[in-house]
Amino acid sequence: MKTAEAGQGEPTPVAAANAYLLATFASSDGLGIDRCVCSGRPRRALKTAQELRREFEAHAGDGVKVESFDWRESSSTGLVSAMVGFRFTRVDPETGSVTFISGTKHEWRFHTMREQGISGGWKVCRVEAPALCGTHIRC
């Protein structure tokens, strides 16, 4: 039973898109991203997640949290959109004071699909997101 649950999708398109975001940016090692992507086209969604993660880690550093708001779902097409931004935490090494900086939020679109079978549920097939560099982070 554990094996089926490990690859099972999410109960809704919004949950699938949110799981994709969290697995890409909140997980320290990207674990769980494979369960969020469509099995018919895993390479495209996995590649996008890996590229986003690589670019993010190279320029953003530690202390970053992904934030998503204003989720919208088109029930007939599986298209989900949200405003996505990042919250940065900076610690002054001399004083220890903490500063929180929230970046500008931008729309991301997730193309989801409901898969059938033992590993069924909603999964992300494609992501339309603005470039991280110059939009969400300085590079």
Protein backbone atom coordinates (compact mmCIF):
# COMPACT_ATOMS: atom_id res chain seq x y z
CA MET A 1 0.00 0.00 0.00
CA LYS A 2 2.86 2.42 0.72
CA THR A 3 4.20 2.09 -2.83
CA ALA A 4 0.90 3.13 -4.39
CA GLU A 5 0.56 6.09 -2.03
CA ALA A 6 4.10 7.26 -2.76
CA GLY A 7 3.29 7.86 -6.43
CA GLN A 8 -0.29 8.91 -5.99
CA GLY A 9 -1.36 12.34 -7.23
CA GLU A 10 -3.29 14.98 -5.33
CA PRO A 11 -7.06 15.23 -4.78
CA THR A 12 -7.45 18.54 -6.69
CA PRO A 13 -5.60 20.49 -9.41
CA VAL A 14 -4.75 23.26 -6.90
CA ALA A 15 -3.32 20.71 -4.46
CA ALA A 16 -1.18 19.22 -7.27
CA ALA A 17 0.19 22.63 -8.27
CA ASN A 18 0.90 23.58 -4.66
CA ALA A 19 2.64 20.23 -4.04
CA TYR A 20 4.77 20.86 -7.15
CA LEU A 21 5.84 24.29 -5.80
CA LEU A 22 6.65 22.92 -2.36
CA ALA A 23 8.57 19.94 -3.72
CA THR A 24 10.55 22.22 -6.05
CA PHE A 25 11.41 25.03 -3.64
CA ALA A 26 10.63 24.06 -0.04
CA SER A 27 12.22 20.63 -0.05
CA SER A 28 15.96 20.74 0.51
CA ASP A 29 16.59 17.92 -1.95
CA GLY A 30 13.64 18.04 -4.34
CA LEU A 31 12.21 14.79 -3.05
CA GLY A 32 8.60 14.25 -3.93
CA ILE A 33 8.63 16.14 -7.21
CA ASP A 34 8.24 12.93 -9.21
CA ARG A 35 4.90 12.16 -7.55
CA CYS A 36 3.59 15.60 -8.58
CA VAL A 37 4.17 15.28 -12.34
CA CYS A 38 2.18 13.54 -15.05
CA SER A 39 3.44 10.05 -15.79
CA GLY A 40 2.82 10.45 -19.53
CA ARG A 41 5.14 13.46 -19.79
CA PRO A 42 7.38 13.40 -16.74
CA ARG A 43 10.51 14.68 -18.43
CA ARG A 44 9.15 18.16 -19.25
CA ALA A 45 7.75 18.92 -15.78
CA LEU A 46 10.72 17.32 -14.00
CA LYS A 47 13.18 19.21 -16.18
CA THR A 48 11.39 22.49 -15.47
CA ALA A 49 11.48 21.81 -11.72
CA GLN A 50 15.17 20.89 -11.82
CA GLU A 51 16.06 24.00 -13.83
CA LEU A 52 14.08 26.27 -11.50
CA ARG A 53 15.67 24.68 -8.45
CA ARG A 54 19.23 24.93 -9.85
CA GLU A 55 18.80 28.59 -10.78
CA PHE A 56 17.17 29.36 -7.45
CA GLU A 57 19.90 27.68 -5.37
CA ALA A 58 22.66 29.37 -7.36
CA HIS A 59 21.36 32.88 -6.72
CA ALA A 60 18.97 32.92 -3.78
CA GLY A 61 20.91 31.12 -1.05
CA ASP A 62 19.41 29.90 2.21
CA GLY A 63 16.50 31.33 4.13
CA VAL A 64 14.00 31.53 1.29
CA LYS A 65 10.36 30.50 1.43
CA VAL A 66 8.01 30.14 -1.52
CA GLU A 67 4.62 31.83 -1.07
CA SER A 68 1.53 31.37 -3.23
CA PHE A 69 -1.73 33.31 -3.18
CA ASP A 70 -4.91 33.85 -5.14
CA TRP A 71 -5.26 30.32 -6.53
CA ARG A 72 -7.63 30.05 -9.49
CA GLU A 73 -8.83 26.91 -11.19
CA SER A 74 -10.48 26.31 -14.54
CA SER A 75 -12.49 23.22 -13.74
CA SER A 76 -13.00 22.25 -17.37
CA THR A 77 -9.35 22.30 -18.49
CA GLY A 78 -7.25 21.49 -15.41
CA LEU A 79 -5.48 24.85 -15.74
CA VAL A 80 -4.52 26.35 -12.38
CA SER A 81 -2.94 29.72 -11.73
CA ALA A 82 -1.55 31.44 -8.67
CA MET A 83 0.42 34.48 -7.70
CA VAL A 84 3.82 33.18 -6.58
CA GLY A 85 6.53 35.04 -4.73
CA PHE A 86 9.46 34.39 -2.46
CA ARG A 87 10.21 35.60 1.05
CA PHE A 88 13.89 36.06 1.86
CA THR A 89 15.38 36.00 5.35
CA ARG A 90 18.66 37.84 5.89
CA VAL A 91 20.62 37.64 9.15
CA ASP A 92 23.25 40.30 9.84
CA PRO A 93 26.37 38.34 10.88
CA GLU A 94 27.56 41.14 13.18
CA THR A 95 24.38 42.10 15.00
CA GLY A 96 22.26 38.99 14.52
CA SER A 97 19.31 41.14 13.45
CA VAL A 98 16.88 39.47 11.08
CA THR A 99 15.32 41.14 8.05
CA PHE A 100 12.46 39.66 6.03
CA ILE A 101 12.07 40.75 2.42
CA SER A 102 9.11 39.70 0.31
CA GLY A 103 9.58 39.82 -3.43
CA THR A 104 7.00 40.85 -5.97
CA LYS A 105 4.48 38.15 -6.77
CA HIS A 106 3.98 37.02 -10.36
CA GLU A 107 1.45 34.74 -12.00
CA TRP A 108 2.41 31.11 -12.55
CA ARG A 109 0.21 28.72 -14.54
CA PHE A 110 0.09 24.97 -14.02
CA HIS A 111 -1.39 22.60 -16.56
CA THR A 112 -2.73 19.63 -14.61
CA MET A 113 -4.38 16.37 -15.51
CA ARG A 114 -6.25 13.73 -13.56
CA GLU A 115 -4.56 10.37 -13.97
CA GLN A 116 -6.33 7.07 -13.45
CA GLY A 117 -5.14 3.83 -11.91
CA ILE A 118 -3.22 2.97 -8.79
CA SER A 119 -1.05 6.10 -8.92
CA GLY A 120 -3.92 8.30 -10.08
CA GLY A 121 -4.93 11.72 -8.88
CA TRP A 122 -4.17 15.23 -10.13
CA LYS A 123 -0.64 15.87 -11.38
CA VAL A 124 1.23 18.72 -13.09
CA CYS A 125 2.07 18.21 -16.78
CA ARG A 126 3.46 21.65 -17.63
CA VAL A 127 4.36 24.89 -15.85
CA GLU A 128 4.36 28.41 -17.27
CA ALA A 129 6.43 30.63 -14.99
CA PRO A 130 8.36 33.85 -15.47
CA ALA A 131 12.13 33.61 -15.41
CA LEU A 132 13.44 33.56 -11.84
CA CYS A 133 16.43 35.80 -12.61
CA GLY A 134 15.37 39.39 -12.91
CA THR A 135 11.80 38.63 -11.87
CA HIS A 136 11.93 36.91 -8.48
CA ILE A 137 15.64 37.02 -7.67
CA ARG A 138 18.69 39.10 -8.60
CA CYS A 139 21.23 37.24 -10.69
